[in-house]
Amino acid sequence: MPESFVFYESYLRGIELQSEQVQAKLFLAVCRYALRGEQPQGLTDSELGLFELMRPTIDSNSQRREKSRSGGAPLGNQNARKQPKQSKKTTVETTEQQKQPNENETETVTVNEDEDEDVTERSAPDYSEVALTADEMNELVGLSDRLSVNAYIKKLSDWQAANKKRSVKAYTVIRGWITQDKAAGSKSCVNFPADDNENKSYTVEKLEAISRSFMSRNRDLD
């Protein structure tokens, strides 16, 4: 016989609605049936009807308990659905077997002949870029106008791209062109042919040389 059973809160709610005398009778009937298997005695039809509502869960719990005692998982338990695991055979090679080479196998060695070569593709530098700060741009526009300054920048950009070098004195070169064109009465170099810079304005190299000479004289004076 079981030594305990599950007494649900729903049992208590149903029994509490009865009189104290009926409560005692129902409580004893439930306990004796669950623990001893005794059928209820001396209950009225209404009392027996309440007991019958509790009987199915008592029986179900009793069956679960019996199955668990016999070694099987209770009905509804997740363990009952688990299948026994099949043992897996694992083949492990001994250290000697792993070390022994296979006579039918040949060793292949790949040699990279270009190992010492730099195979990283490098993008070509953009020689057409003209480096001017915002302050330098504003000063140049103040000496001329923005449209003309843009034309001078385009002229210097074309020269850099053609010669594949960048002018380190972009501001000085463009300022020299503006000054020269003003002295010659020309507003800008917009209409200058690209290959006629020698006749119409200083070349980039000449303006840079003038700038270096000017900087050198100032250092000597200091």
Foldseek 3Di string as FASTA:
>chain_A
DDPDFDDDPVLVVVLVVDDPVLSVLLVVQVVCCLHPVDHRPDDDPVSVVSSVVVVVVSVLRVQQVVCVVVPAHGPPDPVNPDDDDDDDDDDDDDPVVVPDDDPPDDDDDDDDPCPVPDPDDDDQDQQLDADDDPVLLVVLCVLAHNVQLVLLSNLQSVVRVVVVHHQPPRSQQSVQQCVVCVVVVHRHCNPPDSPCCVPNGDDSVVSVVVVVVVVVVVVVVD
